[in-house]
Amino acid sequence: MIHWGWSGMSHDAALAVFDDDKLLFAAHSERYTRVKNEKNLCQGLIDEALTFGRPDNVHFYENTFLKKLRQVKSKQWNLLKKESPRKHMAQFGIDKYQHTTTHHRAHAAAGYFTSGFDSATILVIDSIGEFDTLSVWEGKGKRLRKRHSQGYPHSIGLWYSAMTQRLGLKPQEHEYILMGMAALGDPDKYYDIIMEDFFEEDPSNTHQLKVKFKRDLHRGCLDWRPDLNTVPDLVDVAAAVQKIYEKIFHNLLTEIYLSKLPTNLVLMGGCALNCVANSIAIQMPFISWEPHLKGTWEYSPHHIDDENTQPQPYFDNVWIMPNPGDAGSAIGAVLAHTKTHIDFTTANLGHNIEGEYPVDQIINEIIQHKITAVAAGKAEFGPRALGNRSILADPRGLYVKNRVNRIKHREEFRPFAPIILESCVAEYFNVAEDFKSPYMQYTVKCRRPDLYPAIVHYDGTSRVQTVNEKDNPEVYALLMKWYKITGCPMLLNTSLNIKGEPLVNTLEDAQRWELKYRVTVCTPTRGK
């Protein structure tokens, strides 16, 4: 039986195809329309999904009735006239009854049923679903039970997006830039001001799963402190915002830990893309708890400076689906209905550029020019390129980082990620021997930032992607050959696009990108 799940009609539309409990295909609409954060489905995406067969069931990621109620509450009258999900799908010739779930249940299902865990605690943090803005779920077997939720308008995600907009960036898109800016600023300069202006009480000193705000941030906060407008001010604000978010996140994890819920943790929702904060879940040692000091503990930095000290993590295992935002709920919409654990082994689920992965050409280009790109195999489902739609470069050069930022039209302070052999990661980064991060979801300290300046941020950390032969044999073969030739087990890896554009999807996209930006794109055809 063919199941389609989809998300969209607000931002970042996506579609997933299942054959019973096997995930066959998942892709973002933006990769086909070439419009960043495309909110609607498109014919190209539908046509590719149809190559797997017409759907027997269609699943949507939200409860449209509850969403309309929330739009009434928030006085978003213009949104009440939007077409229904069924009508939206019908324009592509798919006129099926659509099963619906709720926004946060779709997030939780996408995370839990792809995790490989028989039991888990699922923490969902985003801007807003129908009403939920934060929820905690318990997964056992095939059952998902919501244990806690916080509702609109109190939203950590809306606050973070509002502050993104206040910095002159695009909300619902540039939150990762705020996260990167934070490393340049003083996190304490505006900390107290932000806490006073936005929060009802200090969330880091509250023994509860609630974060309450003084104002509704659904429409932003552009009027907040207009005197803070210089570049130093803005980076200091970014640093304070990130620090506050990390403290809130730490508090939530501590409360979950103390609640005696399952000790496997799943993180979902758009906020699970904050890889700096995510590191708390896998690295931060548990802070001693004294019952008579209920609600108080000492917050510690989540990076361990002593390279010989390995922290004791909160949870036995942590899973973050590689597409934890709304697009990933295209998968969650189906799994919330089928309640089936699936074998999720790769994020390479999209459009396929067929042929042999061009290992030799990539290496030759990097040796000659220090930089190249690759478009081969199935496109990644998620916001991050993992080696199939990537710009790749030698991480050892002093000027490589600036060169790649110029090509991508990005700010000079923006960091890049290393892609490294899993067997070598503990030698180059301050992590445990069994550390794995195949989807670039955590930041860790680099042991020798002086040797690899292109992949180290201002705070000395790197957003690491690890590769092994089983999970990613093509990229593994590339790194092994590069390692044998150069003695370096890693490459700089960033997405094959420029700022404000979707990732390259098809062979034709890759050829156009190469002509426009004059960087060789290695493809299977040329790699033979």
Protein backbone atom coordinates (compact mmCIF):
# COMPACT_ATOMS: atom_id res chain seq x y z
CA MET A 1 0.00 0.00 0.00
CA ILE A 2 1.38 3.41 -1.02
CA HIS A 3 1.18 6.18 1.61
CA TRP A 4 1.93 9.81 0.88
CA GLY A 5 2.65 12.24 3.68
CA TRP A 6 3.06 15.94 3.15
CA SER A 7 3.60 19.24 4.90
CA GLY A 8 3.24 22.77 3.63
CA MET A 9 0.85 25.66 2.92
CA SER A 10 2.80 27.85 5.36
CA HIS A 11 6.50 27.26 4.61
CA ASP A 12 8.94 24.57 3.50
CA ALA A 13 6.55 22.14 1.81
CA ALA A 14 7.68 18.53 1.47
CA LEU A 15 6.34 15.14 0.41
CA ALA A 16 7.26 11.61 1.51
CA VAL A 17 6.35 8.27 -0.11
CA PHE A 18 6.02 4.97 1.75
CA ASP A 19 5.34 1.47 0.48
CA ASP A 20 3.76 -0.01 3.62
CA ASP A 21 6.48 0.56 6.25
CA LYS A 22 9.33 1.24 3.81
CA LEU A 23 10.28 4.86 3.17
CA LEU A 24 10.99 5.17 -0.55
CA PHE A 25 11.30 8.89 -1.21
CA ALA A 26 11.20 12.27 0.55
CA ALA A 27 11.96 15.70 -0.88
CA HIS A 28 11.46 19.42 -0.43
CA SER A 29 9.27 21.33 -2.88
CA GLU A 30 11.83 24.17 -2.97
CA ARG A 31 14.34 21.93 -4.74
CA TYR A 32 11.95 21.73 -7.71
CA THR A 33 10.55 25.29 -7.83
CA ARG A 34 13.95 26.84 -6.93
CA VAL A 35 12.14 29.16 -4.48
CA LYS A 36 13.68 29.09 -1.01
CA ASN A 37 11.26 27.80 1.65
CA GLU A 38 8.59 27.12 -0.98
CA LYS A 39 5.34 26.81 0.95
CA ASN A 40 3.30 24.84 -1.61
CA LEU A 41 3.68 21.53 -3.37
CA CYS A 42 4.60 21.65 -7.05
CA GLN A 43 4.10 19.54 -10.16
CA GLY A 44 7.74 18.45 -10.42
CA LEU A 45 7.70 17.00 -6.90
CA ILE A 46 4.33 15.31 -7.48
CA ASP A 47 5.54 13.81 -10.77
CA GLU A 48 8.60 12.29 -9.13
CA ALA A 49 6.50 10.90 -6.28
CA LEU A 50 4.15 9.30 -8.82
CA THR A 51 7.00 7.23 -10.25
CA PHE A 52 6.60 5.06 -7.14
CA GLY A 53 2.88 4.58 -7.79
CA ARG A 54 -0.33 6.46 -7.09
CA PRO A 55 -1.14 6.88 -3.40
CA ASP A 56 -3.67 4.68 -1.65
CA ASN A 57 -3.65 7.02 1.36
CA VAL A 58 -2.67 10.66 1.80
CA HIS A 59 -1.66 12.10 5.19
CA PHE A 60 -1.37 15.78 6.17
CA TYR A 61 0.79 16.94 9.07
CA GLU A 62 -1.70 19.19 10.87
CA ASN A 63 -5.26 19.37 12.15
CA THR A 64 -6.73 22.09 9.95
CA PHE A 65 -9.74 22.74 12.22
CA LEU A 66 -7.57 23.38 15.28
CA LYS A 67 -5.25 25.56 13.24
CA LYS A 68 -8.20 27.70 12.12
CA LEU A 69 -9.23 28.12 15.75
CA ARG A 70 -5.75 29.33 16.63
CA GLN A 71 -5.74 31.72 13.67
CA VAL A 72 -9.02 33.17 14.98
CA LYS A 73 -7.45 33.58 18.42
CA SER A 74 -4.40 35.30 16.96
CA LYS A 75 -6.62 37.45 14.66
CA GLN A 76 -4.94 36.21 11.47
CA TRP A 77 -8.11 36.78 9.49
CA ASN A 78 -6.39 36.65 6.10
CA LEU A 79 -5.25 33.07 6.73
CA LEU A 80 -8.80 31.82 7.28
CA LYS A 81 -9.45 32.03 3.54
CA LYS A 82 -6.64 29.65 2.59
CA GLU A 83 -7.60 26.59 0.58
CA SER A 84 -7.89 23.24 2.30
CA PRO A 85 -5.13 20.61 2.07
CA ARG A 86 -7.45 18.39 0.03
CA LYS A 87 -8.08 21.13 -2.53
CA HIS A 88 -4.38 21.89 -2.69
CA MET A 89 -3.57 18.26 -3.50
CA ALA A 90 -6.54 17.94 -5.89
CA GLN A 91 -5.02 20.46 -8.29
CA PHE A 92 -2.36 17.84 -9.03
CA GLY A 93 -4.95 15.16 -9.78
CA ILE A 94 -4.72 13.54 -6.31
CA ASP A 95 -8.27 13.66 -4.96
CA LYS A 96 -8.04 11.42 -1.92
CA TYR A 97 -9.44 11.76 1.57
CA GLN A 98 -6.61 13.09 3.71
CA HIS A 99 -5.84 11.68 7.14
CA THR A 100 -4.73 14.40 9.54
CA THR A 101 -2.83 14.44 12.79
CA THR A 102 -1.65 17.32 14.97
CA HIS A 103 1.47 19.33 14.28
CA HIS A 104 3.44 18.24 17.35
CA ARG A 105 2.31 14.62 17.11
CA ALA A 106 3.68 14.57 13.54
CA HIS A 107 7.01 15.91 14.85
CA ALA A 108 7.06 13.37 17.67
CA ALA A 109 6.13 10.46 15.39
CA ALA A 110 8.78 11.42 12.82
CA GLY A 111 11.42 11.39 15.54
CA TYR A 112 10.35 8.40 17.58
CA PHE A 113 9.47 5.95 14.82
CA THR A 114 12.76 6.63 12.99
CA SER A 115 14.93 6.48 16.13
CA GLY A 116 15.34 2.73 16.46
CA PHE A 117 14.34 3.03 20.16
CA ASP A 118 11.68 0.80 21.75
CA SER A 119 11.06 3.51 24.32
CA ALA A 120 12.03 7.17 24.40
CA THR A 121 11.23 10.65 25.65
CA ILE A 122 10.53 13.06 22.81
CA LEU A 123 11.01 16.82 23.28
CA VAL A 124 9.44 19.00 20.59
CA ILE A 125 10.24 22.74 20.49
CA ASP A 126 9.17 24.96 17.59
CA SER A 127 7.43 28.24 16.86
CA ILE A 128 3.86 27.00 16.83
CA GLY A 129 1.72 24.09 15.73
CA GLU A 130 -2.04 24.44 16.08
CA PHE A 131 -1.70 25.64 19.68
CA ASP A 132 1.29 23.71 21.04
CA THR A 133 4.67 25.44 21.08
CA LEU A 134 6.52 22.95 23.30
CA SER A 135 5.58 19.36 24.07
CA VAL A 136 7.05 16.30 25.79
CA TRP A 137 6.03 12.82 24.67
CA GLU A 138 6.65 9.33 25.93
CA GLY A 139 7.08 6.62 23.34
CA LYS A 140 6.70 2.97 24.27
CA GLY A 141 6.37 0.29 21.63
CA LYS A 142 3.89 1.62 19.09
CA ARG A 143 2.32 4.12 21.45
CA LEU A 144 2.97 7.86 21.70
CA ARG A 145 1.60 9.63 24.75
CA LYS A 146 1.81 13.38 25.28
CA ARG A 147 3.01 14.02 28.83
CA HIS A 148 3.27 17.81 28.78
CA SER A 149 2.61 20.76 26.49
CA GLN A 150 2.82 24.52 26.50
CA GLY A 151 0.56 26.58 24.27
CA TYR A 152 0.37 29.72 22.21
CA PRO A 153 1.34 32.54 22.59
CA HIS A 154 4.17 31.44 24.92
CA SER A 155 6.72 30.13 22.45
CA ILE A 156 10.48 29.72 22.65
CA GLY A 157 10.63 29.27 18.88
CA LEU A 158 8.62 32.44 18.18
CA TRP A 159 10.90 34.38 20.53
CA TYR A 160 14.05 33.10 18.81
CA SER A 161 12.59 33.92 15.37
CA ALA A 162 11.47 37.35 16.55
CA MET A 163 15.00 38.09 17.76
CA THR A 164 16.33 36.84 14.43
CA GLN A 165 14.15 39.43 12.71
CA ARG A 166 15.19 42.11 15.21
CA LEU A 167 18.81 41.57 14.13
CA GLY A 168 17.87 42.39 10.53
CA LEU A 169 17.70 38.75 9.43
CA LYS A 170 14.85 36.76 7.92
CA PRO A 171 12.71 34.92 10.48
CA GLN A 172 11.89 31.25 9.85
CA GLU A 173 15.04 31.02 7.73
CA HIS A 174 18.07 32.80 9.21
CA GLU A 175 17.98 31.52 12.79
CA TYR A 176 21.18 29.61 12.06
CA ILE A 177 22.90 32.91 11.24
CA LEU A 178 21.95 34.25 14.67
CA MET A 179 23.44 31.08 16.16
CA GLY A 180 26.68 31.69 14.25
CA MET A 181 26.80 35.38 15.20
CA ALA A 182 26.56 34.48 18.86
CA ALA A 183 30.16 33.26 18.98
CA LEU A 184 31.40 36.78 18.19
CA GLY A 185 29.53 38.60 20.93
CA ASP A 186 29.50 39.13 24.68
CA PRO A 187 26.64 36.94 26.00
CA ASP A 188 26.39 38.85 29.29
CA LYS A 189 26.15 42.44 28.06
CA TYR A 190 22.43 42.37 27.20
CA TYR A 191 21.47 39.19 29.03
CA ASP A 192 19.68 40.87 31.94
CA ILE A 193 17.96 43.37 29.64
CA ILE A 194 16.54 40.64 27.42
CA MET A 195 15.45 38.60 30.43
CA GLU A 196 13.70 41.61 31.93
CA ASP A 197 12.01 42.70 28.72
CA PHE A 198 10.73 39.33 27.51
CA PHE A 199 10.46 36.73 30.27
CA GLU A 200 8.03 36.56 33.17
CA GLU A 201 10.67 34.80 35.27
CA ASP A 202 14.15 33.38 34.78
CA PRO A 203 13.57 30.03 33.02
CA SER A 204 16.94 28.71 34.20
CA ASN A 205 15.85 28.96 37.83
CA THR A 206 12.40 27.42 37.47
CA HIS A 207 11.72 23.79 38.24
CA GLN A 208 9.05 23.29 35.58
CA LEU A 209 8.54 22.67 31.86
CA LYS A 210 7.16 26.13 31.24
CA VAL A 211 8.67 29.27 29.73
CA LYS A 212 6.35 32.27 29.86
CA PHE A 213 6.77 35.53 27.97
CA LYS A 214 5.60 39.05 28.72
CA ARG A 215 4.53 39.78 25.16
CA ASP A 216 3.06 37.97 22.15
CA LEU A 217 5.94 37.60 19.71
CA HIS A 218 3.94 36.21 16.80
CA ARG A 219 4.33 39.50 14.93
CA GLY A 220 7.94 40.03 15.93
CA CYS A 221 9.63 42.62 18.10
CA LEU A 222 11.08 45.15 15.66
CA ASP A 223 10.18 47.91 18.12
CA TRP A 224 12.36 46.42 20.85
CA ARG A 225 15.27 48.68 21.93
CA PRO A 226 15.72 50.62 18.67
CA ASP A 227 18.88 52.18 20.13
CA LEU A 228 20.66 48.82 19.78
CA ASN A 229 21.60 49.06 16.13
CA THR A 230 25.39 48.98 15.73
CA VAL A 231 27.16 45.80 14.61
CA PRO A 232 28.76 45.28 18.07
CA ASP A 233 25.32 45.70 19.66
CA LEU A 234 23.74 43.17 17.32
CA VAL A 235 26.35 40.46 17.85
CA ASP A 236 26.12 40.99 21.62
CA VAL A 237 22.33 40.61 21.43
CA ALA A 238 22.76 37.44 19.36
CA ALA A 239 25.17 36.06 21.99
CA ALA A 240 22.70 36.77 24.78
CA VAL A 241 19.80 35.21 22.88
CA GLN A 242 21.79 32.04 22.24
CA LYS A 243 22.92 31.86 25.87
CA ILE A 244 19.34 32.22 27.10
CA TYR A 245 18.13 29.55 24.70
CA GLU A 246 20.85 27.17 25.89
CA LYS A 247 19.92 27.77 29.51
CA ILE A 248 16.24 27.13 28.74
CA PHE A 249 17.17 23.97 26.86
CA HIS A 250 19.38 22.82 29.73
CA ASN A 251 16.54 23.39 32.17
CA LEU A 252 14.09 21.39 30.04
CA LEU A 253 16.50 18.47 29.76
CA THR A 254 17.15 18.53 33.49
CA GLU A 255 13.44 18.47 34.26
CA ILE A 256 12.88 15.62 31.80
CA TYR A 257 15.76 13.70 33.36
CA LEU A 258 14.32 14.15 36.84
CA SER A 259 10.84 13.12 35.72
CA LYS A 260 12.00 9.50 35.35
CA LEU A 261 10.84 9.30 31.75
CA PRO A 262 12.61 6.89 29.35
CA THR A 263 16.35 7.56 29.16
CA ASN A 264 16.53 7.54 25.38
CA LEU A 265 15.96 11.09 24.12
CA VAL A 266 14.52 12.28 20.80
CA LEU A 267 14.72 15.99 19.86
CA MET A 268 12.34 17.37 17.23
CA GLY A 269 10.88 20.64 15.95
CA GLY A 270 12.64 23.51 14.24
CA CYS A 271 14.62 24.34 17.39
CA ALA A 272 16.34 20.94 17.11
CA LEU A 273 18.40 22.51 14.31
CA ASN A 274 20.28 24.54 16.95
CA CYS A 275 23.36 22.33 16.89
CA VAL A 276 25.19 24.39 19.52
CA ALA A 277 22.44 23.79 22.08
CA ASN A 278 21.95 20.18 20.97
CA SER A 279 25.45 19.44 22.24
CA ILE A 280 24.16 19.86 25.78
CA ALA A 281 22.14 16.67 25.40
CA ILE A 282 25.18 14.54 24.56
CA GLN A 283 28.01 16.28 26.40
CA MET A 284 26.92 18.17 29.45
CA PRO A 285 27.54 16.41 32.78
CA PHE A 286 24.55 16.18 35.05
CA ILE A 287 24.40 19.02 37.55
CA SER A 288 24.02 17.84 41.14
CA TRP A 289 20.48 18.25 42.43
CA GLU A 290 19.57 19.10 46.01
CA PRO A 291 15.86 18.75 46.88
CA HIS A 292 15.99 21.49 49.49
CA LEU A 293 17.27 23.86 46.80
CA LYS A 294 14.40 22.98 44.51
CA GLY A 295 14.58 24.93 41.30
CA THR A 296 18.19 26.03 41.57
CA TRP A 297 21.44 24.71 40.14
CA GLU A 298 24.61 26.08 38.69
CA TYR A 299 24.65 26.37 34.92
CA SER A 300 27.93 25.26 33.33
CA PRO A 301 29.25 25.81 29.80
CA HIS A 302 28.40 22.79 27.65
CA HIS A 303 31.84 22.58 26.06
CA ILE A 304 34.48 20.75 28.09
CA ASP A 305 37.79 22.58 27.96
CA ASP A 306 39.84 19.80 29.50
CA GLU A 307 40.49 17.51 26.55
CA ASN A 308 41.15 14.59 28.89
CA THR A 309 37.75 14.89 30.57
CA GLN A 310 34.78 13.13 29.03
CA PRO A 311 31.48 14.41 30.43
CA GLN A 312 28.72 12.13 31.67
CA PRO A 313 25.68 12.68 29.43
CA TYR A 314 22.11 13.03 30.62
CA PHE A 315 20.66 10.29 28.43
CA ASP A 316 21.65 6.82 27.25
CA ASN A 317 21.08 7.67 23.59
CA VAL A 318 20.05 10.80 21.69
CA TRP A 319 18.39 10.84 18.27
CA ILE A 320 17.63 13.89 16.14
CA MET A 321 16.01 13.09 12.84
CA PRO A 322 18.08 14.84 10.12
CA ASN A 323 15.03 16.88 9.10
CA PRO A 324 13.44 17.77 12.47
CA GLY A 325 11.50 20.82 11.24
CA ASP A 326 8.14 21.00 9.48
CA ALA A 327 9.38 19.42 6.25
CA GLY A 328 10.32 16.29 8.18
CA SER A 329 6.71 16.02 9.30
CA ALA A 330 5.88 14.77 5.82
CA ILE A 331 7.34 11.53 7.18
CA GLY A 332 5.74 12.08 10.59
CA ALA A 333 2.26 12.49 9.12
CA VAL A 334 2.40 8.90 7.84
CA LEU A 335 4.07 7.41 10.92
CA ALA A 336 1.59 9.09 13.28
CA HIS A 337 -1.10 7.10 11.45
CA THR A 338 0.66 3.76 10.92
CA LYS A 339 2.47 3.78 14.31
CA THR A 340 5.24 1.73 12.75
CA HIS A 341 8.94 1.77 13.56
CA ILE A 342 10.91 2.02 10.31
CA ASP A 343 14.51 1.27 9.42
CA PHE A 344 15.86 4.79 8.91
CA THR A 345 19.48 4.50 7.76
CA THR A 346 20.02 7.48 5.46
CA ALA A 347 18.85 11.01 4.74
CA ASN A 348 19.56 10.46 1.04
CA LEU A 349 15.93 10.13 -0.01
CA GLY A 350 15.39 12.66 -2.79
CA HIS A 351 16.01 13.05 -6.50
CA ASN A 352 18.62 10.62 -7.81
CA ILE A 353 21.47 11.62 -10.13
CA GLU A 354 22.38 8.13 -11.23
CA GLY A 355 25.87 6.81 -11.78
CA GLU A 356 29.08 6.10 -9.91
CA TYR A 357 30.11 8.60 -7.25
CA PRO A 358 33.01 10.59 -8.81
CA VAL A 359 35.67 10.02 -6.14
CA ASP A 360 38.75 10.48 -8.35
CA GLN A 361 37.52 13.65 -10.00
CA ILE A 362 36.65 15.23 -6.65
CA ILE A 363 40.11 14.52 -5.26
CA ASN A 364 41.88 15.77 -8.39
CA GLU A 365 39.90 19.01 -8.32
CA ILE A 366 40.62 19.64 -4.64
CA ILE A 367 44.33 18.91 -5.09
CA GLN A 368 44.53 21.31 -8.05
CA HIS A 369 42.13 24.05 -6.96
CA LYS A 370 41.58 23.45 -3.20
CA ILE A 371 37.83 23.47 -3.81
CA THR A 372 35.20 21.68 -5.90
CA ALA A 373 31.57 20.59 -5.70
CA VAL A 374 29.66 17.36 -6.17
CA ALA A 375 26.15 16.45 -7.31
CA ALA A 376 25.69 12.69 -7.32
CA GLY A 377 23.29 10.08 -5.97
CA LYS A 378 20.12 10.88 -4.07
CA ALA A 379 19.57 14.38 -2.74
CA GLU A 380 19.56 14.77 1.03
CA PHE A 381 16.19 15.25 2.77
CA GLY A 382 16.87 18.06 5.18
CA PRO A 383 18.53 21.46 5.32
CA ARG A 384 22.12 20.17 5.29
CA ALA A 385 24.19 18.68 2.49
CA LEU A 386 25.90 15.49 3.59
CA GLY A 387 28.12 14.75 0.61
CA ASN A 388 25.74 14.28 -2.32
CA ARG A 389 24.97 17.96 -2.99
CA SER A 390 28.05 19.57 -1.46
CA ILE A 391 30.84 22.05 -1.96
CA LEU A 392 34.02 20.34 -0.73
CA ALA A 393 37.38 21.88 0.08
CA ASP A 394 40.71 21.27 1.80
CA PRO A 395 40.19 22.35 5.44
CA ARG A 396 43.87 23.16 6.00
CA GLY A 397 44.17 26.35 3.98
CA LEU A 398 44.29 29.75 5.65
CA TYR A 399 42.13 31.37 2.97
CA VAL A 400 39.75 28.55 2.06
CA LYS A 401 37.00 29.71 4.44
CA ASN A 402 36.89 33.23 3.01
CA ARG A 403 36.98 31.89 -0.53
CA VAL A 404 34.00 29.58 0.02
CA ASN A 405 32.05 32.34 1.78
CA ARG A 406 32.62 34.62 -1.20
CA ILE A 407 31.39 31.94 -3.61
CA LYS A 408 28.28 31.38 -1.50
CA HIS A 409 27.67 35.13 -0.91
CA ARG A 410 27.75 34.58 2.86
CA GLU A 411 28.95 36.72 5.73
CA GLU A 412 32.66 36.26 6.46
CA PHE A 413 32.08 35.16 10.06
CA ARG A 414 29.98 32.16 9.01
CA PRO A 415 31.54 28.78 9.92
CA PHE A 416 31.85 25.63 7.84
CA ALA A 417 31.53 22.01 8.88
CA PRO A 418 34.08 19.21 8.61
CA ILE A 419 33.15 15.84 7.19
CA ILE A 420 35.48 13.27 8.78
CA LEU A 421 36.07 9.54 8.99
CA GLU A 422 34.22 8.25 12.04
CA SER A 423 37.26 6.20 13.08
CA CYS A 424 39.39 9.38 13.30
CA VAL A 425 37.01 11.85 14.91
CA ALA A 426 38.20 11.43 18.53
CA GLU A 427 41.78 12.14 17.45
CA TYR A 428 40.89 15.55 16.02
CA PHE A 429 37.93 16.62 18.19
CA ASN A 430 37.22 16.45 21.90
CA VAL A 431 34.67 13.64 21.81
CA ALA A 432 34.33 10.08 23.07
CA GLU A 433 35.76 7.24 20.99
CA ASP A 434 32.26 6.08 20.02
CA PHE A 435 31.02 9.55 19.00
CA LYS A 436 28.83 9.59 15.90
CA SER A 437 27.25 12.56 14.16
CA PRO A 438 26.26 11.51 10.62
CA TYR A 439 23.84 14.43 10.15
CA MET A 440 25.82 17.48 11.41
CA GLN A 441 23.72 18.01 14.53
CA TYR A 442 26.27 18.86 17.24
CA THR A 443 29.19 21.21 17.77
CA VAL A 444 32.34 19.98 19.50
CA LYS A 445 35.77 21.39 20.33
CA CYS A 446 38.51 20.96 17.74
CA ARG A 447 41.81 19.77 19.24
CA ARG A 448 43.98 21.52 16.63
CA PRO A 449 42.17 24.58 15.27
CA ASP A 450 45.51 25.98 14.13
CA LEU A 451 45.86 23.14 11.60
CA TYR A 452 42.28 23.22 10.29
CA PRO A 453 41.18 26.87 10.34
CA ALA A 454 38.60 26.49 7.58
CA ILE A 455 36.29 24.31 9.70
CA VAL A 456 36.65 25.93 13.13
CA HIS A 457 34.37 28.71 14.36
CA TYR A 458 35.42 31.67 16.53
CA ASP A 459 34.61 29.74 19.70
CA GLY A 460 36.89 26.86 18.71
CA THR A 461 34.06 24.49 17.84
CA SER A 462 33.07 22.61 14.70
CA ARG A 463 29.74 21.15 13.56
CA VAL A 464 31.08 17.69 12.80
CA GLN A 465 29.73 15.16 10.32
CA THR A 466 31.10 11.65 10.79
CA VAL A 467 31.16 9.02 8.05
CA ASN A 468 31.56 5.25 8.16
CA GLU A 469 31.59 2.62 5.41
CA LYS A 470 28.25 1.04 6.29
CA ASP A 471 26.09 4.14 6.39
CA ASN A 472 27.70 6.18 3.59
CA PRO A 473 30.01 4.00 1.45
CA GLU A 474 30.52 6.51 -1.38
CA VAL A 475 31.60 9.43 0.81
CA TYR A 476 33.59 7.02 2.98
CA ALA A 477 35.55 5.90 -0.12
CA LEU A 478 36.23 9.56 -0.94
CA LEU A 479 37.54 10.36 2.54
CA MET A 480 39.65 7.19 2.73
CA LYS A 481 41.37 7.99 -0.57
CA TRP A 482 41.89 11.63 0.44
CA TYR A 483 43.32 10.46 3.78
CA LYS A 484 45.78 8.09 2.11
CA ILE A 485 46.98 10.81 -0.26
CA THR A 486 47.18 13.74 2.16
CA GLY A 487 47.21 12.33 5.70
CA CYS A 488 44.12 14.46 6.44
CA PRO A 489 40.95 12.46 7.25
CA MET A 490 38.51 15.31 6.71
CA LEU A 491 37.18 17.80 4.18
CA LEU A 492 35.28 21.04 4.48
CA ASN A 493 31.67 20.33 3.53
CA THR A 494 28.95 22.88 2.85
CA SER A 495 25.75 22.86 0.83
CA LEU A 496 25.83 23.23 -2.95
CA ASN A 497 23.94 26.49 -3.23
CA ILE A 498 24.41 30.16 -2.49
CA LYS A 499 22.80 32.18 0.27
CA GLY A 500 19.06 32.49 -0.27
CA GLU A 501 18.79 29.68 -2.83
CA PRO A 502 17.75 26.03 -2.38
CA LEU A 503 20.30 23.25 -2.71
CA VAL A 504 21.06 21.99 -6.19
CA ASN A 505 18.71 19.09 -6.99
CA THR A 506 19.10 17.80 -10.54
CA LEU A 507 21.98 17.35 -12.98
CA GLU A 508 20.68 20.35 -14.92
CA ASP A 509 20.72 22.47 -11.74
CA ALA A 510 24.33 21.44 -11.15
CA GLN A 511 25.38 22.38 -14.68
CA ARG A 512 23.72 25.80 -14.39
CA TRP A 513 25.35 26.38 -11.00
CA GLU A 514 28.77 25.51 -12.40
CA LEU A 515 28.41 27.93 -15.32
CA LYS A 516 27.23 30.75 -13.08
CA TYR A 517 29.72 30.41 -10.21
CA ARG A 518 32.71 28.91 -12.06
CA VAL A 519 33.42 26.08 -9.65
CA THR A 520 33.64 22.59 -11.12
CA VAL A 521 30.72 20.38 -10.10
CA CYS A 522 31.73 16.72 -10.21
CA THR A 523 28.89 14.48 -11.40
CA PRO A 524 28.60 10.76 -12.15
CA THR A 525 28.67 11.37 -15.91
CA ARG A 526 31.95 13.24 -15.70
CA GLY A 527 33.32 10.93 -13.04
CA LYS A 528 33.37 7.86 -15.26
